[in-house]
Protein backbone atom coordinates (compact mmCIF):
# COMPACT_ATOMS: atom_id res chain seq x y z
CA MET A 1 -0.67 3.13 24.67
CA ALA A 2 -0.97 5.93 22.15
CA PHE A 3 -3.66 5.32 19.59
CA THR A 4 -5.96 7.18 17.25
CA LEU A 5 -9.67 7.77 17.57
CA SER A 6 -11.06 5.49 14.89
CA PHE A 7 -14.59 6.77 14.28
CA GLY A 8 -15.83 10.29 13.75
CA ALA A 9 -12.37 11.68 14.56
CA ASP A 10 -9.46 13.20 12.71
CA ALA A 11 -6.74 10.66 11.95
CA THR A 12 -4.10 13.33 12.46
CA ILE A 13 -5.04 13.69 16.15
CA GLU A 14 -3.54 11.23 18.60
CA VAL A 15 -4.80 10.86 22.16
CA ILE A 16 -3.47 9.02 25.18
CA LYS A 17 -5.75 6.56 26.95
CA LYS A 18 -5.38 3.63 29.26
CA ALA A 19 -4.34 0.58 27.26
CA GLU A 20 -7.21 -1.64 26.24
CA THR A 21 -6.49 -5.37 26.26
CA LEU A 22 -6.93 -6.98 22.87
CA PRO A 23 -8.35 -10.52 22.72
CA SER A 24 -5.69 -13.22 22.34
CA ILE A 25 -5.57 -15.65 19.44
CA ALA A 26 -3.43 -18.70 18.65
CA VAL A 27 -3.15 -20.72 15.46
CA GLU A 28 -3.21 -24.51 15.09
CA ASP A 29 -2.10 -26.27 11.90
CA ALA A 30 -4.03 -29.46 11.10
CA SER A 31 -2.47 -30.10 7.69
CA HIS A 32 -1.31 -33.47 6.38
CA SER A 33 -0.54 -32.40 2.81
CA TYR A 34 2.66 -30.51 1.88
CA ASN A 35 6.08 -30.55 3.44
CA HIS A 36 7.09 -28.83 6.65
CA THR A 37 8.74 -25.91 4.83
CA PHE A 38 5.55 -24.96 3.00
CA LYS A 39 3.40 -25.44 6.08
CA LEU A 40 5.62 -23.07 8.03
CA ARG A 41 5.53 -20.57 5.18
CA PHE A 42 1.72 -20.50 5.22
CA PHE A 43 1.66 -20.27 9.02
CA LYS A 44 4.01 -17.27 9.05
CA SER A 45 1.95 -15.50 6.38
CA LEU A 46 -1.23 -16.02 8.40
CA ILE A 47 0.42 -14.81 11.63
CA ALA A 48 1.63 -11.68 9.82
CA ASP A 49 -1.84 -10.96 8.46
CA LEU A 50 -3.48 -11.45 11.85
CA ASN A 51 -1.00 -8.99 13.31
CA VAL A 52 -1.63 -6.42 10.57
CA ILE A 53 -5.40 -6.33 11.11
CA SER A 54 -4.47 -5.13 14.62
CA ILE A 55 -7.42 -6.53 16.58
CA PHE A 56 -5.68 -9.43 18.40
CA ASN A 57 -2.70 -10.20 20.55
CA VAL A 58 -1.33 -12.93 18.30
CA ASP A 59 0.59 -15.92 19.66
CA ARG A 60 3.49 -16.66 17.29
CA HIS A 61 4.18 -20.28 18.28
CA TYR A 62 3.71 -22.91 15.58
CA ARG A 63 1.61 -25.77 16.94
CA VAL A 64 -0.07 -28.79 15.37
CA ASN A 65 -3.44 -30.36 16.17
CA GLU A 66 -6.01 -32.56 14.44
CA TYR A 67 -8.67 -30.62 12.54
CA ASP A 68 -11.60 -32.45 14.17
CA SER A 69 -10.08 -32.53 17.65
CA SER A 70 -12.69 -31.78 20.30
CA SER A 71 -10.28 -29.60 22.29
CA VAL A 72 -7.55 -27.09 21.67
CA LEU A 73 -3.95 -27.80 22.63
CA VAL A 74 -3.15 -27.41 26.30
CA GLU A 75 -0.80 -24.53 25.43
CA ASN A 76 -3.78 -22.67 23.93
CA LYS A 77 -6.38 -23.35 26.63
CA ASP A 78 -6.25 -19.78 27.98
CA MET A 79 -6.56 -18.13 24.56
CA ASP A 80 -9.70 -16.16 23.76
CA PHE A 81 -9.70 -17.60 20.24
CA VAL A 82 -7.94 -20.41 18.38
CA LEU A 83 -7.78 -20.39 14.60
CA ARG A 84 -7.40 -23.93 13.24
CA TYR A 85 -6.83 -24.68 9.56
CA ARG A 86 -6.07 -27.62 7.28
CA LEU A 87 -4.14 -27.41 4.00
CA ASP A 88 -4.93 -30.00 1.31
CA GLU A 89 -3.24 -30.50 -2.05
CA LEU A 90 -5.86 -31.56 -4.60
CA ASP A 91 -5.26 -33.82 -7.59
CA ASN A 92 -5.14 -30.90 -10.04
CA GLY A 93 -2.43 -29.16 -7.99
CA SER A 94 -4.75 -26.59 -6.43
CA LEU A 95 -4.62 -25.65 -2.75
CA ALA A 96 -7.69 -26.12 -0.54
CA VAL A 97 -7.94 -24.69 2.96
CA ASN A 98 -10.51 -25.55 5.61
CA LEU A 99 -10.79 -23.10 8.49
CA LYS A 100 -12.55 -22.83 11.82
CA LEU A 101 -12.38 -20.19 14.53
CA LEU A 102 -12.90 -21.55 18.03
CA ASN A 103 -13.90 -19.48 21.04
CA LYS A 104 -12.69 -19.98 24.60
CA ALA A 105 -15.37 -22.62 25.19
CA GLY A 106 -14.08 -24.60 22.21
CA ASP A 107 -17.09 -23.87 20.00
CA ALA A 108 -16.60 -23.17 16.30
CA VAL A 109 -18.00 -19.64 15.87
CA PHE A 110 -16.82 -19.17 12.28
CA THR A 111 -15.98 -21.67 9.50
CA LYS A 112 -15.06 -21.24 5.87
CA ASP A 113 -13.36 -23.11 3.01
CA TYR A 114 -10.93 -21.56 0.52
CA LYS A 115 -9.42 -22.75 -2.74
CA VAL A 116 -6.82 -21.36 -5.13
CA SER A 117 -5.52 -22.87 -8.36
CA LYS A 118 -1.83 -22.90 -7.46
CA GLN A 119 0.21 -23.50 -4.34
CA ASN A 120 2.46 -20.48 -4.97
CA ILE A 121 -0.37 -17.98 -4.42
CA TYR A 122 -1.05 -19.25 -0.90
CA MET A 123 -0.55 -15.77 0.55
CA PHE A 124 -3.77 -14.54 -1.07
CA VAL A 125 -5.65 -17.22 0.93
CA SER A 126 -3.92 -15.98 4.08
CA HIS A 127 -4.94 -12.39 3.27
CA ALA A 128 -8.54 -13.48 2.62
CA ILE A 129 -8.68 -15.35 5.93
CA ALA A 130 -7.52 -12.27 7.85
CA TYR A 131 -10.08 -10.14 5.98
CA ASP A 132 -12.90 -12.56 6.84
CA ILE A 133 -11.91 -12.87 10.51
CA ASN A 134 -11.73 -9.07 10.79
CA GLU A 135 -15.22 -8.82 9.28
CA PHE A 136 -16.58 -11.55 11.58
CA MET A 137 -15.25 -9.63 14.59
CA GLY A 138 -17.25 -6.57 13.48
CA GLU A 139 -14.25 -4.34 12.78
CA GLU A 140 -13.89 -1.68 10.09
CA PRO A 141 -13.28 -3.32 6.66
CA VAL A 142 -9.69 -4.00 5.59
CA SER A 143 -10.36 -4.55 1.88
CA TRP A 144 -6.85 -3.28 1.09
CA ILE A 145 -5.37 -6.48 2.51
CA LYS A 146 -6.62 -8.36 -0.58
CA ARG A 147 -5.54 -5.74 -3.11
CA LYS A 148 -2.47 -5.96 -5.30
CA VAL A 149 0.55 -3.68 -5.32
CA ILE A 150 2.24 -2.69 -8.58
CA PHE A 151 5.82 -1.44 -8.55
CA ALA A 152 8.83 -0.80 -10.77
CA LYS A 153 12.10 -2.41 -9.68
CA THR A 154 15.54 -1.51 -11.00
CA VAL A 155 17.35 -4.67 -12.15
CA ALA A 156 20.29 -3.10 -14.07
CA PRO A 157 21.39 0.35 -15.22
CA LYS A 158 18.43 1.79 -17.18
CA LYS A 159 16.65 -1.56 -16.95
CA THR A 160 13.53 -2.12 -14.87
CA GLU A 161 10.75 -4.62 -14.36
CA ILE A 162 7.15 -3.77 -13.51
CA ILE A 163 5.83 -6.28 -11.02
CA VAL A 164 2.40 -7.09 -9.56
CA SER A 165 2.47 -8.44 -6.02
CA ASP A 166 0.51 -8.83 -2.81
CA TYR A 167 0.92 -6.11 -0.18
CA THR A 168 3.79 -7.95 1.54
CA LEU A 169 5.69 -8.47 -1.75
CA THR A 170 5.81 -12.21 -0.97
CA TYR A 171 4.15 -13.03 -4.30
CA GLN A 172 5.69 -11.30 -7.31
CA HIS A 173 4.72 -11.58 -10.97
CA VAL A 174 6.74 -9.68 -13.59
CA ILE A 175 4.24 -8.14 -15.98
CA VAL A 176 6.49 -5.78 -18.00
CA LYS A 177 10.17 -6.48 -18.60
CA GLY A 178 12.83 -5.29 -21.01
CA GLY A 179 13.60 -1.59 -21.26
CA PHE A 180 13.37 1.33 -18.87
CA ASN A 181 9.77 1.50 -17.61
CA ILE A 182 8.84 3.41 -14.47
CA PHE A 183 6.01 5.01 -12.43
CA PRO A 184 3.28 2.34 -12.77
CA LYS A 185 -0.18 3.52 -11.71
CA TRP A 186 -3.38 1.49 -11.43
CA ALA A 187 -5.95 2.68 -13.97
CA ASN A 188 -9.06 1.67 -12.02
CA LYS A 189 -10.23 0.42 -8.65
CA ALA A 190 -10.66 -3.10 -10.01
CA GLN A 191 -6.91 -3.20 -10.79
CA THR A 192 -7.51 -4.66 -14.23
CA ALA A 193 -5.29 -2.13 -16.05
CA PHE A 194 -2.44 0.26 -15.36
CA TYR A 195 -0.40 3.12 -16.81
CA TYR A 196 3.37 3.45 -16.86
CA THR A 197 6.06 5.67 -18.35
CA SER A 198 8.46 4.26 -20.94
CA LEU A 199 11.83 5.99 -21.35
CA ASP A 200 13.03 3.81 -24.23
CA GLY A 201 12.13 6.17 -27.08
CA ASN A 202 13.05 9.73 -28.00
CA LYS A 203 10.41 11.12 -25.65
CA PRO A 204 8.98 9.91 -22.34
CA THR A 205 5.84 8.01 -23.32
CA LEU A 206 2.75 7.07 -21.33
CA LYS A 207 1.49 3.55 -21.97
CA TYR A 208 -1.62 1.65 -20.95
CA VAL A 209 -1.80 -2.07 -20.22
CA ASP A 210 -5.09 -3.99 -20.03
CA ILE A 211 -4.22 -7.02 -17.90
CA ARG A 212 -7.34 -9.02 -18.71
CA LYS A 213 -7.04 -8.58 -22.46
CA GLY A 214 -3.25 -8.70 -22.49
CA THR A 215 -3.07 -5.56 -24.64
CA LEU A 216 -0.67 -2.61 -24.66
CA LYS A 217 -1.48 0.88 -26.00
CA THR A 218 0.67 3.98 -26.40
CA LEU A 219 -1.32 6.99 -25.19
CA MET A 220 0.87 10.10 -25.45
CA SER A 221 4.40 11.47 -25.32
CA SER A 222 5.94 14.71 -24.12
CA ASP A 223 9.37 16.31 -24.18
CA GLY A 224 11.15 16.35 -20.84
CA MET A 225 8.66 14.48 -18.66
CA MET A 226 5.52 12.34 -18.84
CA VAL A 227 4.17 10.73 -15.67
CA CYS A 228 0.66 9.73 -14.63
CA SER A 229 0.65 10.54 -10.91
CA ASP A 230 -3.03 9.92 -10.12
CA VAL A 231 -6.32 8.65 -11.54
CA SER A 232 -9.75 9.97 -10.56
CA ASP A 233 -12.13 7.69 -8.67
CA ASP A 234 -14.24 7.09 -11.79
CA GLY A 235 -11.13 6.40 -13.88
CA ASN A 236 -11.98 9.12 -16.42
CA LYS A 237 -9.37 11.76 -15.54
CA LEU A 238 -5.63 11.57 -15.14
CA LEU A 239 -3.24 13.89 -13.38
CA LEU A 240 -0.10 14.14 -15.49
CA THR A 241 3.27 15.75 -14.95
CA MET A 242 4.57 17.04 -18.29
CA ALA A 243 7.34 19.40 -19.34
CA PRO A 244 6.75 20.28 -23.00
CA ASN A 245 8.55 23.60 -22.58
CA GLY A 246 11.30 22.50 -20.23
CA GLN A 247 9.65 23.14 -16.84
CA PRO A 248 7.36 20.45 -15.40
CA ASP A 249 3.74 21.34 -14.65
CA VAL A 250 0.64 19.46 -13.54
CA TYR A 251 -2.03 18.78 -16.17
CA THR A 252 -5.42 17.10 -16.09
CA TYR A 253 -6.27 14.83 -19.00
CA ASN A 254 -9.85 13.82 -19.79
CA LEU A 255 -9.86 10.32 -21.26
CA LYS A 256 -13.31 10.81 -22.82
CA THR A 257 -12.70 14.16 -24.54
CA LYS A 258 -8.94 13.54 -25.07
CA LYS A 259 -8.27 17.12 -23.87
CA TYR A 260 -5.53 18.49 -21.60
CA THR A 261 -5.87 21.31 -19.09
CA LYS A 262 -2.76 22.92 -17.65
CA GLU A 263 -3.40 23.25 -13.92
CA THR A 264 -0.17 24.87 -12.67
CA HIS A 265 1.62 27.87 -14.17
CA TYR A 266 4.90 28.31 -12.36
CA SER A 267 8.30 28.89 -13.90
CA GLY A 268 9.87 26.33 -11.55
CA ILE A 269 8.93 22.76 -10.71
CA ASP A 270 5.34 21.54 -10.14
CA VAL A 271 4.96 17.74 -10.03
CA ASN A 272 3.14 14.75 -8.52
CA GLY A 273 -0.47 15.93 -8.59
CA GLN A 274 -2.94 13.98 -6.42
CA PHE A 275 -6.73 14.25 -6.40
CA LEU A 276 -8.29 15.61 -3.21
CA GLU A 277 -11.98 15.84 -2.38
CA ASN A 278 -14.12 18.82 -3.48
CA ASN A 279 -12.51 19.17 -6.93
CA LYS A 280 -9.09 19.96 -5.48
CA ILE A 281 -5.61 18.59 -6.04
CA VAL A 282 -2.39 18.64 -4.05
CA PHE A 283 1.04 18.71 -5.68
CA ILE A 284 4.72 19.28 -4.95
CA SER A 285 6.21 22.63 -5.96
CA SER A 286 9.53 24.42 -5.63
CA ARG A 287 7.90 27.86 -5.54
CA LEU A 288 9.28 28.53 -2.04
CA GLY A 289 12.81 27.71 -3.16
CA TYR A 290 12.52 24.14 -1.82
CA PRO A 291 9.97 21.36 -2.41
CA ASN A 292 6.75 21.70 -0.47
CA VAL A 293 3.11 20.62 -0.61
CA PHE A 294 0.50 22.93 -2.16
CA SER A 295 -3.16 22.63 -3.16
CA LYS A 296 -5.48 24.27 -5.66
CA THR A 297 -9.01 23.95 -6.99
CA LEU A 298 -9.16 22.55 -10.50
CA GLY A 299 -9.82 25.27 -13.05
CA HIS A 300 -8.72 28.07 -10.70
CA ASN A 301 -5.36 29.81 -10.37
CA ASP A 302 -5.15 30.35 -6.60
CA VAL A 303 -2.57 28.12 -4.91
CA GLU A 304 -2.48 27.38 -1.17
CA GLN A 305 0.51 26.20 0.85
CA MET A 306 -0.41 23.04 2.78
CA VAL A 307 2.65 22.40 4.95
CA TYR A 308 4.59 24.84 7.15
CA TYR A 309 6.86 22.28 8.80
CA GLY A 310 10.11 21.08 7.21
CA ARG A 311 12.33 22.41 4.46
CA SER A 312 12.15 19.58 1.94
CA ASN A 313 8.70 18.04 1.64
CA SER A 314 7.91 15.73 -1.25
CA ALA A 315 6.36 12.46 -2.47
CA CYS A 316 2.78 13.06 -1.34
CA SER A 317 -0.34 10.92 -1.59
CA ALA A 318 -3.93 11.96 -0.88
CA SER A 319 -7.14 10.30 0.29
CA GLY A 320 -10.30 12.28 1.01
CA HIS A 321 -9.11 15.29 3.02
CA TYR A 322 -5.88 13.62 4.19
CA VAL A 323 -2.40 14.04 2.71
CA VAL A 324 0.68 12.01 3.58
CA TYR A 325 4.05 13.39 2.54
CA LYS A 326 7.77 12.71 2.86
CA ALA A 327 9.87 15.29 4.73
CA ARG A 328 13.62 15.54 5.25
CA GLU A 329 14.40 15.94 8.95
CA SER A 330 18.19 16.08 9.01
CA SER A 331 20.95 17.79 7.01
CA ASN A 332 23.93 15.45 7.19
CA ALA A 333 26.44 16.30 4.47
CA PHE A 334 28.54 13.18 5.15
CA GLY A 335 25.96 10.47 5.63
CA GLU A 336 22.35 9.42 5.09
CA ASN A 337 19.65 11.83 6.16
CA THR A 338 16.38 10.96 7.86
CA PHE A 339 13.21 11.24 5.80
CA ASN A 340 9.97 10.69 7.71
CA LEU A 341 6.34 10.48 6.66
CA HIS A 342 3.81 12.95 8.04
CA LEU A 343 0.02 13.11 7.87
CA ILE A 344 -2.01 16.31 7.56
CA SER A 345 -5.67 17.11 7.11
CA THR A 346 -7.26 19.91 5.12
CA GLN A 347 -9.62 20.39 8.07
CA THR A 348 -7.11 20.93 10.90
CA ASP A 349 -3.64 22.40 11.44
CA VAL A 350 -2.34 19.24 13.15
CA ILE A 351 0.66 17.37 11.71
CA ARG A 352 1.10 13.74 12.74
CA ARG A 353 4.50 12.11 12.23
CA LEU A 354 4.08 8.50 11.11
CA THR A 355 7.68 7.22 11.08
CA ALA A 356 10.76 7.86 13.21
CA THR A 357 13.96 6.51 11.63
CA GLY A 358 15.58 5.83 8.27
CA ILE A 359 14.54 6.92 4.79
CA ASN A 360 10.78 6.51 4.38
CA GLU A 361 9.42 7.15 0.90
CA PHE A 362 6.81 6.36 -1.79
CA PRO A 363 3.78 6.65 0.56
CA ARG A 364 0.49 5.50 -0.95
CA PHE A 365 -2.91 5.41 0.70
CA SER A 366 -5.04 2.29 0.48
CA SER A 367 -8.18 2.75 -1.60
CA ASP A 368 -10.30 3.19 1.55
CA GLY A 369 -7.78 5.48 3.29
CA ASP A 370 -7.44 3.06 6.23
CA ALA A 371 -3.75 2.28 5.67
CA ILE A 372 -0.58 3.61 4.05
CA ILE A 373 2.03 1.54 2.26
CA PHE A 374 5.60 2.85 1.92
CA ILE A 375 9.25 1.88 1.49
CA LYS A 376 11.62 2.04 4.46
CA ASN A 377 15.41 2.03 3.96
CA TYR A 378 17.39 1.74 7.18
CA LYS A 379 20.94 0.50 7.84
CA ARG A 380 21.31 -0.92 4.31
CA GLU A 381 18.09 -2.88 4.58
CA SER A 382 14.84 -2.19 2.77
CA ALA A 383 11.30 -3.15 3.69
CA ILE A 384 7.70 -2.57 2.72
CA GLY A 385 5.93 -0.72 5.52
CA ILE A 386 2.23 -0.74 6.39
CA ILE A 387 0.83 2.00 8.64
CA ARG A 388 -2.58 1.35 10.24
CA LEU A 389 -3.71 4.92 10.84
CA ASN A 390 -6.63 4.19 13.14
CA HIS A 391 -4.63 1.70 15.20
CA ASN A 392 -1.41 3.75 15.37
CA LYS A 393 0.72 0.75 14.38
CA ASN A 394 3.44 0.15 11.79
CA TYR A 395 4.45 -3.20 10.27
CA LEU A 396 7.51 -4.00 8.14
CA PHE A 397 8.07 -6.74 5.54
CA PRO A 398 11.67 -7.10 4.27
CA ILE A 399 12.36 -6.67 0.55
CA ARG A 400 14.33 -9.71 -0.61
CA SER A 401 16.29 -8.11 -3.46
CA GLY A 402 16.49 -5.14 -5.80
CA ARG A 403 15.49 -1.52 -5.36
CA VAL A 404 11.94 -0.27 -5.77
CA GLN A 405 11.73 2.76 -8.07
CA SER A 406 8.05 3.58 -7.43
CA LEU A 407 4.85 1.80 -6.43
CA ASP A 408 1.07 2.04 -6.36
CA TRP A 409 -1.55 0.24 -4.29
């Protein structure tokens, strides 16, 4: 098994070791409320989450037992762990979940109760269960599993919807509809507000939505282009792509002082700035005659090429000293080309390829840098992909309908 050193190592470096056996886990449903269809839906969501945390060999069989049974099912007697849960529909329509984790001896080593106001947000309970089990097992935190994804989806020519969802896109809530609105970007780590670009007026316009207050503000407009590509960790600075004079450049914008600083000065295309550590940014530029990844220190003019592999490298995302980017790896004039995701570090020269087939795009790091979300298009099917960097595993969740224009995590 190929895997990545997970502590004190560079995530771009893969090593080969003898496969380590993961503990096995099975799931038992003890629910009496709800119909069989919903019970299966919750079970499948929980199985998917247990797989994504990547610390178990997960048994996928759906089996039923009583919650207070003194023994596990005979089919599960050899499992290292059994996760047993009970779904209850309360009088006010809310969903309650009782949970216990049993060890091989049949002892309950972890118990917890969950409650959400509506049945249709059951997947957030599933995500929370996986998070808690991962924490109980002493693994590195997977806080990203409970975070929301925001994305723009094309629904008609020049018509989009901005949608908030869970990381599997199972739950979807349309938060902006009507018009042509693209490139949503979370405004803070708490995910209580976001920016997006509106193309409905005479100029591309950056707007700000406060979800808690339900308010919408127009921030600024620019000829040609206006996109917020990244937000600083403290939420006080934005990286913008603007083209007031026809050619797009990367700008920083200080929300407190309301001042712009032009960070790139190239006669071609500079776009998609992303904050790096140590007051640096990475961005995509055409200054080599094709798109590639470059970096610079804020306030300085020197620009450094980051990638020397590939001839069309774009759509980057950054976390700490890591950068993930999309690279074209074929030149087929009569069919679809392959676009793979690659990971690099500012501290080594190693490039790690993260995908192998199809068109892989819109990579975004989780807030803790532990995982990458992306879109995979392959053989006329689309899916949300999750890459667990320190476990060297990829997971795919099919997209039911529509085409994602851009996303943020």
